[in-house]
């Protein structure tokens, strides 16, 4: 699986799906979790829905608020 979203693209997707403004710098910061950014599990469901629909992310990919956007970015670029 390779969606190859840039940090800017992923930040825009997260912001659009969750209503929480997220920057590319926050997406790449390994210390920040979705919880830290104020993104809850319902928001993450929206992010996953769009990734599955528009970027071919398999249904077994799971996101939790205690994980970091950087982990998701690594997964999307095939580095995880």
PDB file of N, CA and C in Angstrom:
ATOM      1  N   UNK A   1       0.837  -1.174   0.000  1.00  0.00           N
ATOM      2  CA  UNK A   1       0.000   0.000   0.000  1.00  0.00           C
ATOM      3  C   UNK A   1       0.884   1.239   0.000  1.00  0.00           C
ATOM      4  N   UNK A   2       0.672   2.096  -0.962  1.00  0.00           N
ATOM      5  CA  UNK A   2       1.399   3.360  -0.997  1.00  0.00           C
ATOM      6  C   UNK A   2       0.480   4.468  -1.472  1.00  0.00           C
ATOM      7  N   UNK A   3       0.071   5.324  -0.571  1.00  0.00           N
ATOM      8  CA  UNK A   3      -0.759   6.463  -0.939  1.00  0.00           C
ATOM      9  C   UNK A   3       0.110   7.670  -1.271  1.00  0.00           C
ATOM     10  N   UNK A   4       1.334   7.695  -0.731  1.00  0.00           N
ATOM     11  CA  UNK A   4       2.290   8.771  -1.000  1.00  0.00           C
ATOM     12  C   UNK A   4       1.720  10.168  -0.778  1.00  0.00           C
ATOM     13  N   UNK A   5       1.071  10.358   0.335  1.00  0.00           N
ATOM     14  CA  UNK A   5       0.621  11.696   0.702  1.00  0.00           C
ATOM     15  C   UNK A   5       1.775  12.442   1.348  1.00  0.00           C
ATOM     16  N   UNK A   6       1.925  13.690   0.988  1.00  0.00           N
ATOM     17  CA  UNK A   6       2.939  14.525   1.630  1.00  0.00           C
ATOM     18  C   UNK A   6       2.415  14.944   3.003  1.00  0.00           C
ATOM     19  N   UNK A   7       3.304  15.422   3.868  1.00  0.00           N
ATOM     20  CA  UNK A   7       2.837  15.936   5.161  1.00  0.00           C
ATOM     21  C   UNK A   7       1.786  17.035   5.008  1.00  0.00           C
ATOM     22  N   UNK A   8       1.950  17.880   4.016  1.00  0.00           N
ATOM     23  CA  UNK A   8       0.976  18.957   3.774  1.00  0.00           C
ATOM     24  C   UNK A   8      -0.373  18.361   3.374  1.00  0.00           C
ATOM     25  N   UNK A   9      -0.348  17.368   2.475  1.00  0.00           N
ATOM     26  CA  UNK A   9      -1.589  16.724   2.036  1.00  0.00           C
ATOM     27  C   UNK A   9      -2.287  16.003   3.181  1.00  0.00           C
ATOM     28  N   UNK A  10      -1.519  15.279   3.990  1.00  0.00           N
ATOM     29  CA  UNK A  10      -2.115  14.562   5.114  1.00  0.00           C
ATOM     30  C   UNK A  10      -2.678  15.542   6.142  1.00  0.00           C
ATOM     31  N   UNK A  11      -1.963  16.620   6.412  1.00  0.00           N
ATOM     32  CA  UNK A  11      -2.470  17.629   7.351  1.00  0.00           C
ATOM     33  C   UNK A  11      -3.782  18.222   6.848  1.00  0.00           C
ATOM     34  N   UNK A  12      -3.867  18.496   5.558  1.00  0.00           N
ATOM     35  CA  UNK A  12      -5.096  19.047   4.981  1.00  0.00           C
ATOM     36  C   UNK A  12      -6.237  18.038   5.078  1.00  0.00           C
ATOM     37  N   UNK A  13      -5.949  16.776   4.823  1.00  0.00           N
ATOM     38  CA  UNK A  13      -6.968  15.736   4.911  1.00  0.00           C
ATOM     39  C   UNK A  13      -7.480  15.603   6.340  1.00  0.00           C
ATOM     40  N   UNK A  14      -6.572  15.554   7.305  1.00  0.00           N
ATOM     41  CA  UNK A  14      -6.969  15.451   8.712  1.00  0.00           C
ATOM     42  C   UNK A  14      -7.804  16.668   9.110  1.00  0.00           C
ATOM     43  N   UNK A  15      -7.358  17.845   8.722  1.00  0.00           N
ATOM     44  CA  UNK A  15      -8.087  19.074   9.057  1.00  0.00           C
ATOM     45  C   UNK A  15      -9.485  19.064   8.454  1.00  0.00           C
ATOM     46  N   UNK A  16      -9.582  18.672   7.206  1.00  0.00           N
ATOM     47  CA  UNK A  16     -10.869  18.646   6.504  1.00  0.00           C
ATOM     48  C   UNK A  16     -11.828  17.627   7.131  1.00  0.00           C
ATOM     49  N   UNK A  17     -11.325  16.468   7.480  1.00  0.00           N
ATOM     50  CA  UNK A  17     -12.177  15.397   8.004  1.00  0.00           C
ATOM     51  C   UNK A  17     -12.540  15.561   9.465  1.00  0.00           C
ATOM     52  N   UNK A  18     -11.731  16.272  10.216  1.00  0.00           N
ATOM     53  CA  UNK A  18     -11.954  16.361  11.662  1.00  0.00           C
ATOM     54  C   UNK A  18     -12.382  17.743  12.146  1.00  0.00           C
ATOM     55  N   UNK A  19     -12.142  18.772  11.354  1.00  0.00           N
ATOM     56  CA  UNK A  19     -12.429  20.125  11.800  1.00  0.00           C
ATOM     57  C   UNK A  19     -11.361  20.683  12.725  1.00  0.00           C
ATOM     58  N   UNK A  20     -10.288  19.918  12.945  1.00  0.00           N
ATOM     59  CA  UNK A  20      -9.168  20.351  13.776  1.00  0.00           C
ATOM     60  C   UNK A  20      -8.045  20.802  12.847  1.00  0.00           C
ATOM     61  N   UNK A  21      -7.606  22.033  13.002  1.00  0.00           N
ATOM     62  CA  UNK A  21      -6.531  22.533  12.144  1.00  0.00           C
ATOM     63  C   UNK A  21      -5.227  21.845  12.528  1.00  0.00           C
ATOM     64  N   UNK A  22      -4.644  21.141  11.558  1.00  0.00           N
ATOM     65  CA  UNK A  22      -3.401  20.407  11.750  1.00  0.00           C
ATOM     66  C   UNK A  22      -2.411  20.885  10.696  1.00  0.00           C
ATOM     67  N   UNK A  23      -1.176  21.107  11.101  1.00  0.00           N
ATOM     68  CA  UNK A  23      -0.148  21.569  10.177  1.00  0.00           C
ATOM     69  C   UNK A  23       0.772  20.424   9.768  1.00  0.00           C
ATOM     70  N   UNK A  24       1.512  20.637   8.703  1.00  0.00           N
ATOM     71  CA  UNK A  24       2.482  19.637   8.255  1.00  0.00           C
ATOM     72  C   UNK A  24       3.538  19.397   9.328  1.00  0.00           C
ATOM     73  N   UNK A  25       3.928  20.423  10.049  1.00  0.00           N
ATOM     74  CA  UNK A  25       4.898  20.268  11.136  1.00  0.00           C
ATOM     75  C   UNK A  25       4.378  19.370  12.241  1.00  0.00           C
ATOM     76  N   UNK A  26       3.098  19.487  12.536  1.00  0.00           N
ATOM     77  CA  UNK A  26       2.506  18.622  13.559  1.00  0.00           C
ATOM     78  C   UNK A  26       2.422  17.177  13.067  1.00  0.00           C
ATOM     79  N   UNK A  27       2.149  16.990  11.791  1.00  0.00           N
ATOM     80  CA  UNK A  27       2.062  15.646  11.215  1.00  0.00           C
ATOM     81  C   UNK A  27       3.401  14.929  11.297  1.00  0.00           C
ATOM     82  N   UNK A  28       4.481  15.654  11.178  1.00  0.00           N
ATOM     83  CA  UNK A  28       5.802  15.022  11.171  1.00  0.00           C
ATOM     84  C   UNK A  28       6.463  14.971  12.547  1.00  0.00           C
ATOM     85  N   UNK A  29       5.843  15.558  13.545  1.00  0.00           N
ATOM     86  CA  UNK A  29       6.414  15.557  14.896  1.00  0.00           C
ATOM     87  C   UNK A  29       6.109  14.221  15.581  1.00  0.00           C
ATOM     88  N   UNK A  30       7.132  13.399  15.861  1.00  0.00           N
ATOM     89  CA  UNK A  30       6.890  12.077  16.434  1.00  0.00           C
ATOM     90  C   UNK A  30       6.353  12.108  17.866  1.00  0.00           C
ATOM     91  N   UNK A  31       6.455  13.249  18.518  1.00  0.00           N
ATOM     92  CA  UNK A  31       5.988  13.354  19.911  1.00  0.00           C
ATOM     93  C   UNK A  31       4.492  13.582  20.011  1.00  0.00           C
ATOM     94  N   UNK A  32       3.861  14.053  18.935  1.00  0.00           N
ATOM     95  CA  UNK A  32       2.449  14.418  18.992  1.00  0.00           C
ATOM     96  C   UNK A  32       1.554  13.263  18.575  1.00  0.00           C
ATOM     97  N   UNK A  33       0.545  12.989  19.391  1.00  0.00           N
ATOM     98  CA  UNK A  33      -0.457  11.988  19.037  1.00  0.00           C
ATOM     99  C   UNK A  33      -1.709  12.709  18.526  1.00  0.00           C
ATOM    100  N   UNK A  34      -2.627  11.937  17.987  1.00  0.00           N
ATOM    101  CA  UNK A  34      -3.900  12.530  17.576  1.00  0.00           C
ATOM    102  C   UNK A  34      -4.607  13.131  18.793  1.00  0.00           C
ATOM    103  N   UNK A  35      -4.511  12.467  19.945  1.00  0.00           N
ATOM    104  CA  UNK A  35      -5.074  13.018  21.187  1.00  0.00           C
ATOM    105  C   UNK A  35      -4.499  14.398  21.480  1.00  0.00           C
ATOM    106  N   UNK A  36      -3.183  14.525  21.361  1.00  0.00           N
ATOM    107  CA  UNK A  36      -2.523  15.806  21.620  1.00  0.00           C
ATOM    108  C   UNK A  36      -3.059  16.913  20.715  1.00  0.00           C
ATOM    109  N   UNK A  37      -3.413  16.529  19.488  1.00  0.00           N
ATOM    110  CA  UNK A  37      -3.902  17.509  18.510  1.00  0.00           C
ATOM    111  C   UNK A  37      -5.389  17.795  18.669  1.00  0.00           C
ATOM    112  N   UNK A  38      -6.070  17.038  19.533  1.00  0.00           N
ATOM    113  CA  UNK A  38      -7.501  17.229  19.726  1.00  0.00           C
ATOM    114  C   UNK A  38      -8.355  16.450  18.737  1.00  0.00           C
ATOM    115  N   UNK A  39      -7.763  15.455  18.084  1.00  0.00           N
ATOM    116  CA  UNK A  39      -8.494  14.618  17.128  1.00  0.00           C
ATOM    117  C   UNK A  39      -8.981  13.378  17.872  1.00  0.00           C
ATOM    118  N   UNK A  40     -10.294  13.188  17.906  1.00  0.00           N
ATOM    119  CA  UNK A  40     -10.859  12.048  18.630  1.00  0.00           C
ATOM    120  C   UNK A  40     -11.105  10.866  17.693  1.00  0.00           C
ATOM    121  N   UNK A  41     -11.603   9.791  18.256  1.00  0.00           N
ATOM    122  CA  UNK A  41     -11.792   8.564  17.481  1.00  0.00           C
ATOM    123  C   UNK A  41     -12.833   8.746  16.379  1.00  0.00           C
ATOM    124  N   UNK A  42     -13.844   9.561  16.609  1.00  0.00           N
ATOM    125  CA  UNK A  42     -14.831   9.811  15.561  1.00  0.00           C
ATOM    126  C   UNK A  42     -14.191  10.545  14.384  1.00  0.00           C
ATOM    127  N   UNK A  43     -13.342  11.519  14.673  1.00  0.00           N
ATOM    128  CA  UNK A  43     -12.621  12.220  13.618  1.00  0.00           C
ATOM    129  C   UNK A  43     -11.711  11.282  12.846  1.00  0.00           C
ATOM    130  N   UNK A  44     -11.068  10.367  13.569  1.00  0.00           N
ATOM    131  CA  UNK A  44     -10.188   9.406  12.906  1.00  0.00           C
ATOM    132  C   UNK A  44     -10.962   8.471  11.985  1.00  0.00           C
ATOM    133  N   UNK A  45     -12.211   8.172  12.348  1.00  0.00           N
ATOM    134  CA  UNK A  45     -13.043   7.353  11.462  1.00  0.00           C
ATOM    135  C   UNK A  45     -13.260   8.065  10.134  1.00  0.00           C
ATOM    136  N   UNK A  46     -13.453   9.369  10.180  1.00  0.00           N
ATOM    137  CA  UNK A  46     -13.608  10.148   8.954  1.00  0.00           C
ATOM    138  C   UNK A  46     -12.335  10.156   8.122  1.00  0.00           C
ATOM    139  N   UNK A  47     -11.193  10.280   8.797  1.00  0.00           N
ATOM    140  CA  UNK A  47      -9.899  10.250   8.102  1.00  0.00           C
ATOM    141  C   UNK A  47      -9.716   8.900   7.412  1.00  0.00           C
ATOM    142  N   UNK A  48      -9.967   7.828   8.151  1.00  0.00           N
ATOM    143  CA  UNK A  48      -9.833   6.489   7.574  1.00  0.00           C
ATOM    144  C   UNK A  48     -10.792   6.271   6.420  1.00  0.00           C
ATOM    145  N   UNK A  49     -12.007   6.759   6.556  1.00  0.00           N
ATOM    146  CA  UNK A  49     -12.984   6.615   5.478  1.00  0.00           C
ATOM    147  C   UNK A  49     -12.501   7.249   4.187  1.00  0.00           C
ATOM    148  N   UNK A  50     -11.969   8.453   4.297  1.00  0.00           N
ATOM    149  CA  UNK A  50     -11.473   9.124   3.089  1.00  0.00           C
ATOM    150  C   UNK A  50     -10.243   8.420   2.537  1.00  0.00           C
ATOM    151  N   UNK A  51      -9.350   7.978   3.413  1.00  0.00           N
ATOM    152  CA  UNK A  51      -8.158   7.276   2.944  1.00  0.00           C
ATOM    153  C   UNK A  51      -8.534   5.976   2.230  1.00  0.00           C
ATOM    154  N   UNK A  52      -9.520   5.287   2.755  1.00  0.00           N
ATOM    155  CA  UNK A  52      -9.961   4.039   2.110  1.00  0.00           C
ATOM    156  C   UNK A  52     -10.640   4.319   0.775  1.00  0.00           C
ATOM    157  N   UNK A  53     -11.491   5.318   0.747  1.00  0.00           N
ATOM    158  CA  UNK A  53     -12.259   5.641  -0.462  1.00  0.00           C
ATOM    159  C   UNK A  53     -11.386   6.231  -1.563  1.00  0.00           C
ATOM    160  N   UNK A  54     -10.526   7.171  -1.201  1.00  0.00           N
ATOM    161  CA  UNK A  54      -9.804   7.933  -2.216  1.00  0.00           C
ATOM    162  C   UNK A  54      -8.354   7.513  -2.425  1.00  0.00           C
ATOM    163  N   UNK A  55      -7.815   6.714  -1.495  1.00  0.00           N
ATOM    164  CA  UNK A  55      -6.390   6.390  -1.579  1.00  0.00           C
ATOM    165  C   UNK A  55      -6.103   4.901  -1.481  1.00  0.00           C
ATOM    166  N   UNK A  56      -7.133   4.081  -1.487  1.00  0.00           N
ATOM    167  CA  UNK A  56      -6.951   2.635  -1.520  1.00  0.00           C
ATOM    168  C   UNK A  56      -6.368   2.009  -0.270  1.00  0.00           C
ATOM    169  N   UNK A  57      -6.581   2.646   0.876  1.00  0.00           N
ATOM    170  CA  UNK A  57      -6.075   2.094   2.129  1.00  0.00           C
ATOM    171  C   UNK A  57      -6.925   0.880   2.501  1.00  0.00           C
ATOM    172  N   UNK A  58      -6.302  -0.255   2.805  1.00  0.00           N
ATOM    173  CA  UNK A  58      -7.066  -1.466   3.123  1.00  0.00           C
ATOM    174  C   UNK A  58      -7.892  -1.322   4.397  1.00  0.00           C
ATOM    175  N   UNK A  59      -8.974  -2.085   4.491  1.00  0.00           N
ATOM    176  CA  UNK A  59      -9.855  -1.978   5.655  1.00  0.00           C
ATOM    177  C   UNK A  59      -9.225  -2.413   6.974  1.00  0.00           C
ATOM    178  N   UNK A  60      -8.124  -3.131   6.936  1.00  0.00           N
ATOM    179  CA  UNK A  60      -7.523  -3.590   8.191  1.00  0.00           C
ATOM    180  C   UNK A  60      -6.621  -2.552   8.848  1.00  0.00           C
ATOM    181  N   UNK A  61      -6.396  -1.417   8.196  1.00  0.00           N
ATOM    182  CA  UNK A  61      -5.606  -0.347   8.813  1.00  0.00           C
ATOM    183  C   UNK A  61      -6.436   0.277   9.922  1.00  0.00           C
ATOM    184  N   UNK A  62      -5.833   0.412  11.091  1.00  0.00           N
ATOM    185  CA  UNK A  62      -6.529   0.913  12.262  1.00  0.00           C
ATOM    186  C   UNK A  62      -5.820   2.161  12.779  1.00  0.00           C
ATOM    187  N   UNK A  63      -6.588   3.157  13.154  1.00  0.00           N
ATOM    188  CA  UNK A  63      -6.041   4.363  13.773  1.00  0.00           C
ATOM    189  C   UNK A  63      -6.645   4.509  15.152  1.00  0.00           C
ATOM    190  N   UNK A  64      -5.810   4.914  16.093  1.00  0.00           N
ATOM    191  CA  UNK A  64      -6.272   5.191  17.450  1.00  0.00           C
ATOM    192  C   UNK A  64      -5.779   6.581  17.854  1.00  0.00           C
ATOM    193  N   UNK A  65      -6.530   7.242  18.721  1.00  0.00           N
ATOM    194  CA  UNK A  65      -6.118   8.577  19.159  1.00  0.00           C
ATOM    195  C   UNK A  65      -4.752   8.622  19.839  1.00  0.00           C
ATOM    196  N   UNK A  66      -4.272   7.480  20.370  1.00  0.00           N
ATOM    197  CA  UNK A  66      -2.979   7.494  21.053  1.00  0.00           C
ATOM    198  C   UNK A  66      -1.800   7.271  20.098  1.00  0.00           C
ATOM    199  N   UNK A  67      -2.070   7.179  18.806  1.00  0.00           N
ATOM    200  CA  UNK A  67      -1.004   7.033  17.809  1.00  0.00           C
ATOM    201  C   UNK A  67      -0.705   8.404  17.200  1.00  0.00           C
ATOM    202  N   UNK A  68       0.425   8.493  16.536  1.00  0.00           N
ATOM    203  CA  UNK A  68       0.819   9.793  15.985  1.00  0.00           C
ATOM    204  C   UNK A  68       0.485   9.894  14.494  1.00  0.00           C
ATOM    205  N   UNK A  69       0.216  11.110  14.044  1.00  0.00           N
ATOM    206  CA  UNK A  69       0.037  11.311  12.616  1.00  0.00           C
ATOM    207  C   UNK A  69       1.287  10.896  11.819  1.00  0.00           C
ATOM    208  N   UNK A  70       2.450  11.022  12.453  1.00  0.00           N
ATOM    209  CA  UNK A  70       3.681  10.615  11.775  1.00  0.00           C
ATOM    210  C   UNK A  70       3.675   9.110  11.485  1.00  0.00           C
ATOM    211  N   UNK A  71       3.145   8.309  12.400  1.00  0.00           N
ATOM    212  CA  UNK A  71       3.014   6.868  12.158  1.00  0.00           C
ATOM    213  C   UNK A  71       2.129   6.616  10.944  1.00  0.00           C
ATOM    214  N   UNK A  72       1.030   7.358  10.849  1.00  0.00           N
ATOM    215  CA  UNK A  72       0.137   7.218   9.701  1.00  0.00           C
ATOM    216  C   UNK A  72       0.858   7.623   8.419  1.00  0.00           C
ATOM    217  N   UNK A  73       1.595   8.713   8.466  1.00  0.00           N
ATOM    218  CA  UNK A  73       2.341   9.167   7.289  1.00  0.00           C
ATOM    219  C   UNK A  73       3.340   8.105   6.843  1.00  0.00           C
ATOM    220  N   UNK A  74       4.041   7.504   7.786  1.00  0.00           N
ATOM    221  CA  UNK A  74       4.989   6.437   7.455  1.00  0.00           C
ATOM    222  C   UNK A  74       4.284   5.243   6.830  1.00  0.00           C
ATOM    223  N   UNK A  75       3.137   4.896   7.373  1.00  0.00           N
ATOM    224  CA  UNK A  75       2.361   3.789   6.834  1.00  0.00           C
ATOM    225  C   UNK A  75       1.921   4.078   5.400  1.00  0.00           C
ATOM    226  N   UNK A  76       1.462   5.294   5.171  1.00  0.00           N
ATOM    227  CA  UNK A  76       0.975   5.659   3.846  1.00  0.00           C
ATOM    228  C   UNK A  76       2.084   5.694   2.800  1.00  0.00           C
ATOM    229  N   UNK A  77       3.293   5.977   3.234  1.00  0.00           N
ATOM    230  CA  UNK A  77       4.393   6.043   2.277  1.00  0.00           C
ATOM    231  C   UNK A  77       5.111   4.708   2.151  1.00  0.00           C
ATOM    232  N   UNK A  78       4.591   3.688   2.845  1.00  0.00           N
ATOM    233  CA  UNK A  78       5.154   2.356   2.731  1.00  0.00           C
ATOM    234  C   UNK A  78       6.396   2.132   3.553  1.00  0.00           C
ATOM    235  N   UNK A  79       6.648   3.010   4.517  1.00  0.00           N
ATOM    236  CA  UNK A  79       7.857   2.872   5.342  1.00  0.00           C
ATOM    237  C   UNK A  79       7.578   2.207   6.676  1.00  0.00           C
ATOM    238  N   UNK A  80       6.341   1.823   6.943  1.00  0.00           N
ATOM    239  CA  UNK A  80       6.032   1.216   8.247  1.00  0.00           C
ATOM    240  C   UNK A  80       5.767  -0.268   8.075  1.00  0.00           C
TER     241      UNK A  80
END
